[in-house]
Amino acid sequence: MDPQNIAKHYEALQKWQSVVKEGNVWLLYELGRIAFALGYYDKSRKTFDELETGVGASHRLRSKTRNLLYDDKGKEKVFEGSIARIDSRYDGEINCDTLRSLRYPINFRPVTCAFNPAVGFRVKFYIGFSFRGPCAVQVRRV
């Protein structure tokens, strides 16, 4: 996605949403993803909450992570943080230190780590998106 046109893309998605009569999975996903990329973290979370509990709740691709965030040079953007919570092999959270204005943790799946994760570990990761919201992927210990 061209960083120069991302704001225009977001505006177009908002216009589309204003005329849609029924919930649209892909529209909500794109709105949440683009809002996050623009730094509208609270709007993004609200959109993903609507997607997860509404029209996207039973979608077969609900948990599939895709669309990583990229930097200005087109490379995957690296984020840093610390593991805040691990509830199970499939459910954990990371506090992202790179995005200072982000007020909620990023989900991750501890089972996908190449190390044995524990609360408090400093980690680097990429951010991708599923219908549940932003997800930390390829988590590695610092």
Protein backbone atom coordinates (compact mmCIF):
# COMPACT_ATOMS: atom_id res chain seq x y z
CA MET A 1 0.00 0.00 0.00
CA ASP A 2 1.38 3.36 -1.00
CA PRO A 3 2.05 5.44 2.16
CA GLN A 4 1.20 8.58 0.18
CA ASN A 5 -2.34 7.38 -0.47
CA ILE A 6 -3.16 5.55 2.77
CA ALA A 7 -5.20 8.47 4.18
CA LYS A 8 -7.19 8.71 0.93
CA HIS A 9 -7.75 4.96 1.03
CA TYR A 10 -9.07 5.25 4.59
CA GLU A 11 -11.46 8.05 3.58
CA ALA A 12 -12.76 5.95 0.69
CA LEU A 13 -13.36 3.02 3.05
CA GLN A 14 -15.26 5.28 5.46
CA LYS A 15 -17.46 6.51 2.59
CA TRP A 16 -18.11 2.90 1.57
CA GLN A 17 -19.07 2.04 5.16
CA SER A 18 -21.54 4.94 5.28
CA VAL A 19 -23.57 3.48 2.39
CA VAL A 20 -23.34 -0.22 3.26
CA LYS A 21 -26.55 -1.54 4.76
CA GLU A 22 -25.20 -4.86 6.09
CA GLY A 23 -21.92 -5.63 7.84
CA ASN A 24 -19.13 -6.46 5.42
CA VAL A 25 -16.23 -8.58 6.71
CA TRP A 26 -13.59 -7.26 4.34
CA LEU A 27 -14.64 -3.64 4.76
CA LEU A 28 -14.38 -3.83 8.55
CA TYR A 29 -11.06 -5.67 8.31
CA GLU A 30 -9.59 -3.02 6.00
CA LEU A 31 -10.97 -0.15 8.10
CA GLY A 32 -9.42 -1.60 11.25
CA ARG A 33 -6.10 -2.36 9.58
CA ILE A 34 -5.74 1.02 7.89
CA ALA A 35 -6.84 2.89 11.04
CA PHE A 36 -4.08 1.10 12.97
CA ALA A 37 -1.50 1.91 10.28
CA LEU A 38 -2.51 5.58 10.47
CA GLY A 39 -2.17 5.58 14.27
CA TYR A 40 -5.92 5.68 15.02
CA TYR A 41 -5.52 2.86 17.53
CA ASP A 42 -8.79 3.35 19.40
CA LYS A 43 -10.80 3.48 16.14
CA SER A 44 -8.97 0.38 14.97
CA ARG A 45 -9.76 -1.50 18.16
CA LYS A 46 -13.44 -0.52 17.98
CA THR A 47 -13.65 -1.72 14.37
CA PHE A 48 -11.94 -5.03 15.14
CA ASP A 49 -14.19 -5.55 18.19
CA GLU A 50 -17.20 -5.06 15.91
CA LEU A 51 -15.74 -7.50 13.40
CA GLU A 52 -14.87 -10.15 15.98
CA THR A 53 -18.23 -10.15 17.72
CA GLY A 54 -20.37 -9.46 14.67
CA VAL A 55 -20.19 -10.43 11.03
CA GLY A 56 -16.66 -11.88 11.25
CA ALA A 57 -17.28 -14.07 14.32
CA SER A 58 -17.87 -17.26 12.36
CA HIS A 59 -15.77 -16.50 9.28
CA ARG A 60 -13.45 -19.35 8.32
CA LEU A 61 -10.45 -17.00 8.05
CA ARG A 62 -11.10 -15.41 11.45
CA SER A 63 -7.75 -16.36 13.00
CA LYS A 64 -5.53 -16.21 9.92
CA THR A 65 -2.90 -13.47 10.25
CA ARG A 66 -1.96 -11.52 7.14
CA ASN A 67 -0.96 -8.04 5.93
CA LEU A 68 2.14 -7.10 7.92
CA LEU A 69 2.95 -3.46 8.55
CA TYR A 70 5.80 -2.13 6.41
CA ASP A 71 8.18 0.80 6.85
CA ASP A 72 8.77 3.58 4.30
CA LYS A 73 11.28 1.43 2.42
CA GLY A 74 8.86 -1.47 1.92
CA LYS A 75 10.42 -3.77 4.54
CA GLU A 76 8.57 -5.37 7.42
CA LYS A 77 8.55 -2.88 10.28
CA VAL A 78 10.16 -4.23 13.45
CA PHE A 79 8.50 -3.47 16.79
CA GLU A 80 9.80 -3.98 20.32
CA GLY A 81 8.05 -4.66 23.59
CA SER A 82 7.72 -7.02 26.49
CA ILE A 83 5.53 -10.03 27.11
CA ALA A 84 2.74 -8.91 29.43
CA ARG A 85 0.60 -12.02 29.74
CA ILE A 86 0.50 -15.68 28.72
CA ASP A 87 -2.80 -17.47 29.33
CA SER A 88 -2.19 -20.56 27.20
CA ARG A 89 -0.07 -21.87 24.35
CA TYR A 90 -2.34 -19.98 21.94
CA ASP A 91 -3.13 -16.81 23.87
CA GLY A 92 -0.74 -14.14 25.08
CA GLU A 93 -0.20 -10.38 24.97
CA ILE A 94 2.76 -8.10 24.33
CA ASN A 95 3.02 -4.47 25.41
CA CYS A 96 4.43 -2.62 22.41
CA ASP A 97 7.03 -0.02 23.42
CA THR A 98 7.66 1.15 19.85
CA LEU A 99 4.13 2.59 19.51
CA ARG A 100 4.02 4.88 22.54
CA SER A 101 0.42 6.03 22.00
CA LEU A 102 -0.93 2.47 21.73
CA ARG A 103 -2.86 1.93 24.97
CA TYR A 104 -3.64 -1.76 24.65
CA PRO A 105 -1.47 -4.88 24.23
CA ILE A 106 -0.93 -6.80 21.01
CA ASN A 107 -2.04 -10.44 20.91
CA PHE A 108 0.42 -13.22 20.08
CA ARG A 109 0.53 -17.01 20.05
CA PRO A 110 3.28 -18.27 22.39
CA VAL A 111 3.30 -21.66 20.65
CA THR A 112 4.74 -20.07 17.49
CA CYS A 113 7.86 -18.74 19.25
CA ALA A 114 11.24 -20.37 18.60
CA PHE A 115 12.04 -19.89 22.32
CA ASN A 116 10.16 -20.61 25.54
CA PRO A 117 8.37 -17.27 26.19
CA ALA A 118 7.78 -15.95 29.70
CA VAL A 119 6.19 -12.82 31.13
CA GLY A 120 8.65 -9.95 31.22
CA PHE A 121 10.85 -11.11 28.32
CA ARG A 122 11.89 -8.32 25.93
CA VAL A 123 10.97 -9.23 22.36
CA LYS A 124 11.04 -7.99 18.77
CA PHE A 125 8.20 -8.78 16.38
CA TYR A 126 6.25 -7.77 13.31
CA ILE A 127 2.60 -6.74 13.42
CA GLY A 128 0.09 -8.45 11.18
CA PHE A 129 -3.70 -8.51 11.29
CA SER A 130 -6.44 -11.07 11.70
CA PHE A 131 -10.16 -10.50 12.12
CA ARG A 132 -9.42 -10.29 15.85
CA GLY A 133 -7.15 -7.27 15.40
CA PRO A 134 -3.41 -6.61 15.34
CA CYS A 135 -1.21 -9.62 16.17
CA ALA A 136 2.48 -9.91 16.95
CA VAL A 137 4.09 -12.43 14.58
CA GLN A 138 7.59 -13.89 14.33
CA VAL A 139 8.22 -12.98 17.95
CA ARG A 140 11.88 -13.33 18.92
CA ARG A 141 13.72 -12.60 22.12
CA VAL A 142 15.97 -9.54 22.33
